[in-house]
Amino acid sequence: KASNSVLDGIRNVATRLQSGDIFF
């Protein structure tokens, strides 16, 4: 089951985009 902490999740995605850890 996913975490639905929206703001924490957005911050984590932003960090991983910035650090080049996730690609599409």
mmCIF file of all heavy atoms, coordinates in Angstrom:
data_MODEL
# 
_entry.id   MODEL 
# 
loop_
_atom_site.group_PDB 
_atom_site.id 
_atom_site.type_symbol 
_atom_site.label_atom_id 
_atom_site.label_alt_id 
_atom_site.label_comp_id 
_atom_site.label_asym_id 
_atom_site.label_entity_id 
_atom_site.label_seq_id 
_atom_site.pdbx_PDB_ins_code 
_atom_site.Cartn_x 
_atom_site.Cartn_y 
_atom_site.Cartn_z 
_atom_site.occupancy 
_atom_site.B_iso_or_equiv 
_atom_site.pdbx_formal_charge 
_atom_site.auth_seq_id 
_atom_site.auth_comp_id 
_atom_site.auth_asym_id 
_atom_site.auth_atom_id 
_atom_site.pdbx_PDB_model_num 
ATOM 1   N N   . LYS A 1 1  ? 0.847  -1.192 0.000   1.00 0.00 ? 1  LYS A N   1 
ATOM 2   C CA  . LYS A 1 1  ? 0.000  0.000  0.000   1.00 0.00 ? 1  LYS A CA  1 
ATOM 3   C C   . LYS A 1 1  ? 0.883  1.243  0.000   1.00 0.00 ? 1  LYS A C   1 
ATOM 4   O O   . LYS A 1 1  ? 1.820  1.353  0.777   1.00 0.00 ? 1  LYS A O   1 
ATOM 5   C CB  . LYS A 1 1  ? -0.920 -0.002 1.214   1.00 0.00 ? 1  LYS A CB  1 
ATOM 6   C CG  . LYS A 1 1  ? -2.015 -1.056 1.145   1.00 0.00 ? 1  LYS A CG  1 
ATOM 7   C CD  . LYS A 1 1  ? -2.983 -0.914 2.311   1.00 0.00 ? 1  LYS A CD  1 
ATOM 8   C CE  . LYS A 1 1  ? -4.095 -1.953 2.223   1.00 0.00 ? 1  LYS A CE  1 
ATOM 9   N NZ  . LYS A 1 1  ? -5.054 -1.816 3.357   1.00 0.00 ? 1  LYS A NZ  1 
ATOM 10  N N   . ALA A 1 2  ? 0.550  2.158  -0.878  1.00 0.00 ? 2  ALA A N   1 
ATOM 11  C CA  . ALA A 1 2  ? 1.348  3.383  -1.013  1.00 0.00 ? 2  ALA A CA  1 
ATOM 12  C C   . ALA A 1 2  ? 1.096  4.337  0.149   1.00 0.00 ? 2  ALA A C   1 
ATOM 13  O O   . ALA A 1 2  ? 0.070  4.263  0.833   1.00 0.00 ? 2  ALA A O   1 
ATOM 14  C CB  . ALA A 1 2  ? 0.996  4.079  -2.328  1.00 0.00 ? 2  ALA A CB  1 
ATOM 15  N N   . SER A 1 3  ? 2.039  5.226  0.358   1.00 0.00 ? 3  SER A N   1 
ATOM 16  C CA  . SER A 1 3  ? 1.836  6.337  1.298   1.00 0.00 ? 3  SER A CA  1 
ATOM 17  C C   . SER A 1 3  ? 1.089  7.448  0.577   1.00 0.00 ? 3  SER A C   1 
ATOM 18  O O   . SER A 1 3  ? 1.423  7.797  -0.548  1.00 0.00 ? 3  SER A O   1 
ATOM 19  C CB  . SER A 1 3  ? 3.185  6.868  1.796   1.00 0.00 ? 3  SER A CB  1 
ATOM 20  O OG  . SER A 1 3  ? 3.009  8.114  2.440   1.00 0.00 ? 3  SER A OG  1 
ATOM 21  N N   . ASN A 1 4  ? 0.084  8.002  1.236   1.00 0.00 ? 4  ASN A N   1 
ATOM 22  C CA  . ASN A 1 4  ? -0.675 9.090  0.610   1.00 0.00 ? 4  ASN A CA  1 
ATOM 23  C C   . ASN A 1 4  ? -0.340 10.433 1.241   1.00 0.00 ? 4  ASN A C   1 
ATOM 24  O O   . ASN A 1 4  ? -1.175 11.336 1.257   1.00 0.00 ? 4  ASN A O   1 
ATOM 25  C CB  . ASN A 1 4  ? -2.170 8.816  0.689   1.00 0.00 ? 4  ASN A CB  1 
ATOM 26  C CG  . ASN A 1 4  ? -2.848 9.092  -0.644  1.00 0.00 ? 4  ASN A CG  1 
ATOM 27  O OD1 . ASN A 1 4  ? -2.270 9.737  -1.521  1.00 0.00 ? 4  ASN A OD1 1 
ATOM 28  N ND2 . ASN A 1 4  ? -4.065 8.616  -0.807  1.00 0.00 ? 4  ASN A ND2 1 
ATOM 29  N N   . SER A 1 5  ? 0.877  10.566 1.738   1.00 0.00 ? 5  SER A N   1 
ATOM 30  C CA  . SER A 1 5  ? 1.353  11.855 2.237   1.00 0.00 ? 5  SER A CA  1 
ATOM 31  C C   . SER A 1 5  ? 1.782  12.683 1.029   1.00 0.00 ? 5  SER A C   1 
ATOM 32  O O   . SER A 1 5  ? 2.899  12.554 0.526   1.00 0.00 ? 5  SER A O   1 
ATOM 33  C CB  . SER A 1 5  ? 2.528  11.650 3.199   1.00 0.00 ? 5  SER A CB  1 
ATOM 34  O OG  . SER A 1 5  ? 3.024  12.876 3.657   1.00 0.00 ? 5  SER A OG  1 
ATOM 35  N N   . VAL A 1 6  ? 0.873  13.528 0.554   1.00 0.00 ? 6  VAL A N   1 
ATOM 36  C CA  . VAL A 1 6  ? 1.051  14.177 -0.746  1.00 0.00 ? 6  VAL A CA  1 
ATOM 37  C C   . VAL A 1 6  ? 2.275  15.091 -0.769  1.00 0.00 ? 6  VAL A C   1 
ATOM 38  O O   . VAL A 1 6  ? 3.124  15.001 -1.667  1.00 0.00 ? 6  VAL A O   1 
ATOM 39  C CB  . VAL A 1 6  ? -0.219 14.964 -1.144  1.00 0.00 ? 6  VAL A CB  1 
ATOM 40  C CG1 . VAL A 1 6  ? -0.002 15.687 -2.478  1.00 0.00 ? 6  VAL A CG1 1 
ATOM 41  C CG2 . VAL A 1 6  ? -1.409 14.022 -1.249  1.00 0.00 ? 6  VAL A CG2 1 
ATOM 42  N N   . LEU A 1 7  ? 2.391  15.982 0.206   1.00 0.00 ? 7  LEU A N   1 
ATOM 43  C CA  . LEU A 1 7  ? 3.477  16.965 0.170   1.00 0.00 ? 7  LEU A CA  1 
ATOM 44  C C   . LEU A 1 7  ? 4.838  16.310 0.365   1.00 0.00 ? 7  LEU A C   1 
ATOM 45  O O   . LEU A 1 7  ? 5.809  16.669 -0.315  1.00 0.00 ? 7  LEU A O   1 
ATOM 46  C CB  . LEU A 1 7  ? 3.240  18.046 1.224   1.00 0.00 ? 7  LEU A CB  1 
ATOM 47  C CG  . LEU A 1 7  ? 2.014  18.930 0.994   1.00 0.00 ? 7  LEU A CG  1 
ATOM 48  C CD1 . LEU A 1 7  ? 1.906  19.985 2.083   1.00 0.00 ? 7  LEU A CD1 1 
ATOM 49  C CD2 . LEU A 1 7  ? 2.065  19.595 -0.377  1.00 0.00 ? 7  LEU A CD2 1 
ATOM 50  N N   . ASP A 1 8  ? 4.922  15.336 1.279   1.00 0.00 ? 8  ASP A N   1 
ATOM 51  C CA  . ASP A 1 8  ? 6.184  14.610 1.436   1.00 0.00 ? 8  ASP A CA  1 
ATOM 52  C C   . ASP A 1 8  ? 6.539  13.893 0.138   1.00 0.00 ? 8  ASP A C   1 
ATOM 53  O O   . ASP A 1 8  ? 7.697  13.863 -0.276  1.00 0.00 ? 8  ASP A O   1 
ATOM 54  C CB  . ASP A 1 8  ? 6.081  13.592 2.575   1.00 0.00 ? 8  ASP A CB  1 
ATOM 55  C CG  . ASP A 1 8  ? 6.107  14.244 3.948   1.00 0.00 ? 8  ASP A CG  1 
ATOM 56  O OD1 . ASP A 1 8  ? 6.483  15.433 4.028   1.00 0.00 ? 8  ASP A OD1 1 
ATOM 57  O OD2 . ASP A 1 8  ? 5.742  13.573 4.927   1.00 0.00 ? 8  ASP A OD2 1 
ATOM 58  N N   . GLY A 1 9  ? 5.527  13.296 -0.495  1.00 0.00 ? 9  GLY A N   1 
ATOM 59  C CA  . GLY A 1 9  ? 5.771  12.580 -1.738  1.00 0.00 ? 9  GLY A CA  1 
ATOM 60  C C   . GLY A 1 9  ? 6.223  13.502 -2.855  1.00 0.00 ? 9  GLY A C   1 
ATOM 61  O O   . GLY A 1 9  ? 7.149  13.175 -3.609  1.00 0.00 ? 9  GLY A O   1 
ATOM 62  N N   . ILE A 1 10 ? 5.594  14.658 -2.979  1.00 0.00 ? 10 ILE A N   1 
ATOM 63  C CA  . ILE A 1 10 ? 5.995  15.629 -4.006  1.00 0.00 ? 10 ILE A CA  1 
ATOM 64  C C   . ILE A 1 10 ? 7.436  16.072 -3.777  1.00 0.00 ? 10 ILE A C   1 
ATOM 65  O O   . ILE A 1 10 ? 8.232  16.148 -4.717  1.00 0.00 ? 10 ILE A O   1 
ATOM 66  C CB  . ILE A 1 10 ? 5.037  16.837 -4.008  1.00 0.00 ? 10 ILE A CB  1 
ATOM 67  C CG1 . ILE A 1 10 ? 3.682  16.432 -4.616  1.00 0.00 ? 10 ILE A CG1 1 
ATOM 68  C CG2 . ILE A 1 10 ? 5.632  18.009 -4.788  1.00 0.00 ? 10 ILE A CG2 1 
ATOM 69  C CD1 . ILE A 1 10 ? 2.628  17.513 -4.520  1.00 0.00 ? 10 ILE A CD1 1 
ATOM 70  N N   . ARG A 1 11 ? 7.773  16.356 -2.533  1.00 0.00 ? 11 ARG A N   1 
ATOM 71  C CA  . ARG A 1 11 ? 9.146  16.771 -2.226  1.00 0.00 ? 11 ARG A CA  1 
ATOM 72  C C   . ARG A 1 11 ? 10.146 15.667 -2.586  1.00 0.00 ? 11 ARG A C   1 
ATOM 73  O O   . ARG A 1 11 ? 11.212 15.931 -3.140  1.00 0.00 ? 11 ARG A O   1 
ATOM 74  C CB  . ARG A 1 11 ? 9.276  17.131 -0.746  1.00 0.00 ? 11 ARG A CB  1 
ATOM 75  C CG  . ARG A 1 11 ? 10.654 17.683 -0.390  1.00 0.00 ? 11 ARG A CG  1 
ATOM 76  C CD  . ARG A 1 11 ? 10.757 18.065 1.070   1.00 0.00 ? 11 ARG A CD  1 
ATOM 77  N NE  . ARG A 1 11 ? 10.769 16.891 1.928   1.00 0.00 ? 11 ARG A NE  1 
ATOM 78  C CZ  . ARG A 1 11 ? 9.906  16.679 2.904   1.00 0.00 ? 11 ARG A CZ  1 
ATOM 79  N NH1 . ARG A 1 11 ? 8.945  17.539 3.145   1.00 0.00 ? 11 ARG A NH1 1 
ATOM 80  N NH2 . ARG A 1 11 ? 9.999  15.601 3.651   1.00 0.00 ? 11 ARG A NH2 1 
ATOM 81  N N   . ASN A 1 12 ? 9.779  14.412 -2.296  1.00 0.00 ? 12 ASN A N   1 
ATOM 82  C CA  . ASN A 1 12 ? 10.681 13.305 -2.618  1.00 0.00 ? 12 ASN A CA  1 
ATOM 83  C C   . ASN A 1 12 ? 10.865 13.138 -4.124  1.00 0.00 ? 12 ASN A C   1 
ATOM 84  O O   . ASN A 1 12 ? 11.977 12.882 -4.599  1.00 0.00 ? 12 ASN A O   1 
ATOM 85  C CB  . ASN A 1 12 ? 10.153 12.001 -2.011  1.00 0.00 ? 12 ASN A CB  1 
ATOM 86  C CG  . ASN A 1 12 ? 10.256 11.986 -0.503  1.00 0.00 ? 12 ASN A CG  1 
ATOM 87  O OD1 . ASN A 1 12 ? 11.003 12.758 0.079   1.00 0.00 ? 12 ASN A OD1 1 
ATOM 88  N ND2 . ASN A 1 12 ? 9.484  11.123 0.140   1.00 0.00 ? 12 ASN A ND2 1 
ATOM 89  N N   . VAL A 1 13 ? 9.773  13.263 -4.883  1.00 0.00 ? 13 VAL A N   1 
ATOM 90  C CA  . VAL A 1 13 ? 9.881  13.173 -6.345  1.00 0.00 ? 13 VAL A CA  1 
ATOM 91  C C   . VAL A 1 13 ? 10.761 14.305 -6.872  1.00 0.00 ? 13 VAL A C   1 
ATOM 92  O O   . VAL A 1 13 ? 11.636 14.088 -7.723  1.00 0.00 ? 13 VAL A O   1 
ATOM 93  C CB  . VAL A 1 13 ? 8.490  13.211 -7.007  1.00 0.00 ? 13 VAL A CB  1 
ATOM 94  C CG1 . VAL A 1 13 ? 8.625  13.315 -8.531  1.00 0.00 ? 13 VAL A CG1 1 
ATOM 95  C CG2 . VAL A 1 13 ? 7.684  11.968 -6.644  1.00 0.00 ? 13 VAL A CG2 1 
ATOM 96  N N   . ALA A 1 14 ? 10.540 15.515 -6.373  1.00 0.00 ? 14 ALA A N   1 
ATOM 97  C CA  . ALA A 1 14 ? 11.344 16.658 -6.817  1.00 0.00 ? 14 ALA A CA  1 
ATOM 98  C C   . ALA A 1 14 ? 12.824 16.426 -6.543  1.00 0.00 ? 14 ALA A C   1 
ATOM 99  O O   . ALA A 1 14 ? 13.684 16.730 -7.386  1.00 0.00 ? 14 ALA A O   1 
ATOM 100 C CB  . ALA A 1 14 ? 10.875 17.930 -6.111  1.00 0.00 ? 14 ALA A CB  1 
ATOM 101 N N   . THR A 1 15 ? 13.126 15.864 -5.387  1.00 0.00 ? 15 THR A N   1 
ATOM 102 C CA  . THR A 1 15 ? 14.524 15.582 -5.034  1.00 0.00 ? 15 THR A CA  1 
ATOM 103 C C   . THR A 1 15 ? 15.128 14.563 -5.989  1.00 0.00 ? 15 THR A C   1 
ATOM 104 O O   . THR A 1 15 ? 16.267 14.724 -6.458  1.00 0.00 ? 15 THR A O   1 
ATOM 105 C CB  . THR A 1 15 ? 14.615 15.065 -3.590  1.00 0.00 ? 15 THR A CB  1 
ATOM 106 O OG1 . THR A 1 15 ? 14.153 16.088 -2.699  1.00 0.00 ? 15 THR A OG1 1 
ATOM 107 C CG2 . THR A 1 15 ? 16.047 14.701 -3.226  1.00 0.00 ? 15 THR A CG2 1 
ATOM 108 N N   . ARG A 1 16 ? 14.381 13.514 -6.318  1.00 0.00 ? 16 ARG A N   1 
ATOM 109 C CA  . ARG A 1 16 ? 14.907 12.462 -7.204  1.00 0.00 ? 16 ARG A CA  1 
ATOM 110 C C   . ARG A 1 16 ? 15.030 12.938 -8.646  1.00 0.00 ? 16 ARG A C   1 
ATOM 111 O O   . ARG A 1 16 ? 15.929 12.501 -9.379  1.00 0.00 ? 16 ARG A O   1 
ATOM 112 C CB  . ARG A 1 16 ? 14.024 11.210 -7.118  1.00 0.00 ? 16 ARG A CB  1 
ATOM 113 C CG  . ARG A 1 16 ? 14.023 10.578 -5.743  1.00 0.00 ? 16 ARG A CG  1 
ATOM 114 C CD  . ARG A 1 16 ? 15.419 10.212 -5.284  1.00 0.00 ? 16 ARG A CD  1 
ATOM 115 N NE  . ARG A 1 16 ? 15.468 9.859  -3.859  1.00 0.00 ? 16 ARG A NE  1 
ATOM 116 C CZ  . ARG A 1 16 ? 16.565 9.507  -3.219  1.00 0.00 ? 16 ARG A CZ  1 
ATOM 117 N NH1 . ARG A 1 16 ? 17.730 9.482  -3.864  1.00 0.00 ? 16 ARG A NH1 1 
ATOM 118 N NH2 . ARG A 1 16 ? 16.525 9.213  -1.936  1.00 0.00 ? 16 ARG A NH2 1 
ATOM 119 N N   . LEU A 1 17 ? 14.148 13.820 -9.069  1.00 0.00 ? 17 LEU A N   1 
ATOM 120 C CA  . LEU A 1 17 ? 14.301 14.431 -10.391 1.00 0.00 ? 17 LEU A CA  1 
ATOM 121 C C   . LEU A 1 17 ? 15.556 15.298 -10.421 1.00 0.00 ? 17 LEU A C   1 
ATOM 122 O O   . LEU A 1 17 ? 16.356 15.231 -11.365 1.00 0.00 ? 17 LEU A O   1 
ATOM 123 C CB  . LEU A 1 17 ? 13.077 15.295 -10.729 1.00 0.00 ? 17 LEU A CB  1 
ATOM 124 C CG  . LEU A 1 17 ? 11.779 14.571 -11.069 1.00 0.00 ? 17 LEU A CG  1 
ATOM 125 C CD1 . LEU A 1 17 ? 10.618 15.563 -11.094 1.00 0.00 ? 17 LEU A CD1 1 
ATOM 126 C CD2 . LEU A 1 17 ? 11.880 13.846 -12.411 1.00 0.00 ? 17 LEU A CD2 1 
ATOM 127 N N   . GLN A 1 18 ? 15.728 16.094 -9.383  1.00 0.00 ? 18 GLN A N   1 
ATOM 128 C CA  . GLN A 1 18 ? 16.858 17.012 -9.322  1.00 0.00 ? 18 GLN A CA  1 
ATOM 129 C C   . GLN A 1 18 ? 18.187 16.255 -9.281  1.00 0.00 ? 18 GLN A C   1 
ATOM 130 O O   . GLN A 1 18 ? 19.175 16.674 -9.889  1.00 0.00 ? 18 GLN A O   1 
ATOM 131 C CB  . GLN A 1 18 ? 16.726 17.906 -8.087  1.00 0.00 ? 18 GLN A CB  1 
ATOM 132 C CG  . GLN A 1 18 ? 17.712 19.052 -8.012  1.00 0.00 ? 18 GLN A CG  1 
ATOM 133 C CD  . GLN A 1 18 ? 17.361 20.206 -8.931  1.00 0.00 ? 18 GLN A CD  1 
ATOM 134 O OE1 . GLN A 1 18 ? 16.260 20.263 -9.456  1.00 0.00 ? 18 GLN A OE1 1 
ATOM 135 N NE2 . GLN A 1 18 ? 18.308 21.108 -9.144  1.00 0.00 ? 18 GLN A NE2 1 
ATOM 136 N N   . SER A 1 19 ? 18.208 15.124 -8.571  1.00 0.00 ? 19 SER A N   1 
ATOM 137 C CA  . SER A 1 19 ? 19.456 14.366 -8.410  1.00 0.00 ? 19 SER A CA  1 
ATOM 138 C C   . SER A 1 19 ? 19.696 13.364 -9.538  1.00 0.00 ? 19 SER A C   1 
ATOM 139 O O   . SER A 1 19 ? 20.730 12.702 -9.567  1.00 0.00 ? 19 SER A O   1 
ATOM 140 C CB  . SER A 1 19 ? 19.455 13.635 -7.064  1.00 0.00 ? 19 SER A CB  1 
ATOM 141 O OG  . SER A 1 19 ? 18.356 12.755 -6.968  1.00 0.00 ? 19 SER A OG  1 
ATOM 142 N N   . GLY A 1 20 ? 18.746 13.256 -10.479 1.00 0.00 ? 20 GLY A N   1 
ATOM 143 C CA  . GLY A 1 20 ? 18.936 12.362 -11.622 1.00 0.00 ? 20 GLY A CA  1 
ATOM 144 C C   . GLY A 1 20 ? 18.827 10.896 -11.278 1.00 0.00 ? 20 GLY A C   1 
ATOM 145 O O   . GLY A 1 20 ? 19.554 10.054 -11.819 1.00 0.00 ? 20 GLY A O   1 
ATOM 146 N N   . ASP A 1 21 ? 17.886 10.559 -10.377 1.00 0.00 ? 21 ASP A N   1 
ATOM 147 C CA  . ASP A 1 21 ? 17.696 9.165  -9.972  1.00 0.00 ? 21 ASP A CA  1 
ATOM 148 C C   . ASP A 1 21 ? 16.551 8.482  -10.701 1.00 0.00 ? 21 ASP A C   1 
ATOM 149 O O   . ASP A 1 21 ? 16.433 7.260  -10.635 1.00 0.00 ? 21 ASP A O   1 
ATOM 150 C CB  . ASP A 1 21 ? 17.440 9.098  -8.459  1.00 0.00 ? 21 ASP A CB  1 
ATOM 151 C CG  . ASP A 1 21 ? 18.674 9.421  -7.647  1.00 0.00 ? 21 ASP A CG  1 
ATOM 152 O OD1 . ASP A 1 21 ? 19.770 9.002  -8.049  1.00 0.00 ? 21 ASP A OD1 1 
ATOM 153 O OD2 . ASP A 1 21 ? 18.548 10.109 -6.614  1.00 0.00 ? 21 ASP A OD2 1 
ATOM 154 N N   . ILE A 1 22 ? 15.658 9.253  -11.342 1.00 0.00 ? 22 ILE A N   1 
ATOM 155 C CA  . ILE A 1 22 ? 14.525 8.656  -12.054 1.00 0.00 ? 22 ILE A CA  1 
ATOM 156 C C   . ILE A 1 22 ? 14.433 9.240  -13.465 1.00 0.00 ? 22 ILE A C   1 
ATOM 157 O O   . ILE A 1 22 ? 14.674 10.432 -13.674 1.00 0.00 ? 22 ILE A O   1 
ATOM 158 C CB  . ILE A 1 22 ? 13.191 8.863  -11.308 1.00 0.00 ? 22 ILE A CB  1 
ATOM 159 C CG1 . ILE A 1 22 ? 12.941 10.339 -10.999 1.00 0.00 ? 22 ILE A CG1 1 
ATOM 160 C CG2 . ILE A 1 22 ? 13.156 8.033  -10.028 1.00 0.00 ? 22 ILE A CG2 1 
ATOM 161 C CD1 . ILE A 1 22 ? 11.568 10.615 -10.390 1.00 0.00 ? 22 ILE A CD1 1 
ATOM 162 N N   . PHE A 1 23 ? 14.075 8.346  -14.409 1.00 0.00 ? 23 PHE A N   1 
ATOM 163 C CA  . PHE A 1 23 ? 13.955 8.733  -15.814 1.00 0.00 ? 23 PHE A CA  1 
ATOM 164 C C   . PHE A 1 23 ? 12.695 8.103  -16.404 1.00 0.00 ? 23 PHE A C   1 
ATOM 165 O O   . PHE A 1 23 ? 12.112 7.172  -15.824 1.00 0.00 ? 23 PHE A O   1 
ATOM 166 C CB  . PHE A 1 23 ? 15.197 8.283  -16.601 1.00 0.00 ? 23 PHE A CB  1 
ATOM 167 C CG  . PHE A 1 23 ? 16.463 8.962  -16.146 1.00 0.00 ? 23 PHE A CG  1 
ATOM 168 C CD1 . PHE A 1 23 ? 17.245 8.401  -15.138 1.00 0.00 ? 23 PHE A CD1 1 
ATOM 169 C CD2 . PHE A 1 23 ? 16.873 10.151 -16.715 1.00 0.00 ? 23 PHE A CD2 1 
ATOM 170 C CE1 . PHE A 1 23 ? 18.401 9.028  -14.698 1.00 0.00 ? 23 PHE A CE1 1 
ATOM 171 C CE2 . PHE A 1 23 ? 18.020 10.787 -16.284 1.00 0.00 ? 23 PHE A CE2 1 
ATOM 172 C CZ  . PHE A 1 23 ? 18.795 10.219 -15.279 1.00 0.00 ? 23 PHE A CZ  1 
ATOM 173 N N   . PHE A 1 24 ? 12.300 8.595  -17.580 1.00 0.00 ? 24 PHE A N   1 
ATOM 174 C CA  . PHE A 1 24 ? 11.030 8.193  -18.175 1.00 0.00 ? 24 PHE A CA  1 
ATOM 175 C C   . PHE A 1 24 ? 11.242 7.859  -19.648 1.00 0.00 ? 24 PHE A C   1 
ATOM 176 O O   . PHE A 1 24 ? 11.684 8.721  -20.426 1.00 0.00 ? 24 PHE A O   1 
ATOM 177 C CB  . PHE A 1 24 ? 10.003 9.313  -18.008 1.00 0.00 ? 24 PHE A CB  1 
ATOM 178 C CG  . PHE A 1 24 ? 9.806  9.690  -16.559 1.00 0.00 ? 24 PHE A CG  1 
ATOM 179 C CD1 . PHE A 1 24 ? 10.681 10.584 -15.940 1.00 0.00 ? 24 PHE A CD1 1 
ATOM 180 C CD2 . PHE A 1 24 ? 8.793  9.121  -15.819 1.00 0.00 ? 24 PHE A CD2 1 
ATOM 181 C CE1 . PHE A 1 24 ? 10.534 10.904 -14.597 1.00 0.00 ? 24 PHE A CE1 1 
ATOM 182 C CE2 . PHE A 1 24 ? 8.641  9.437  -14.473 1.00 0.00 ? 24 PHE A CE2 1 
ATOM 183 C CZ  . PHE A 1 24 ? 9.518  10.318 -13.858 1.00 0.00 ? 24 PHE A CZ  1 
# 
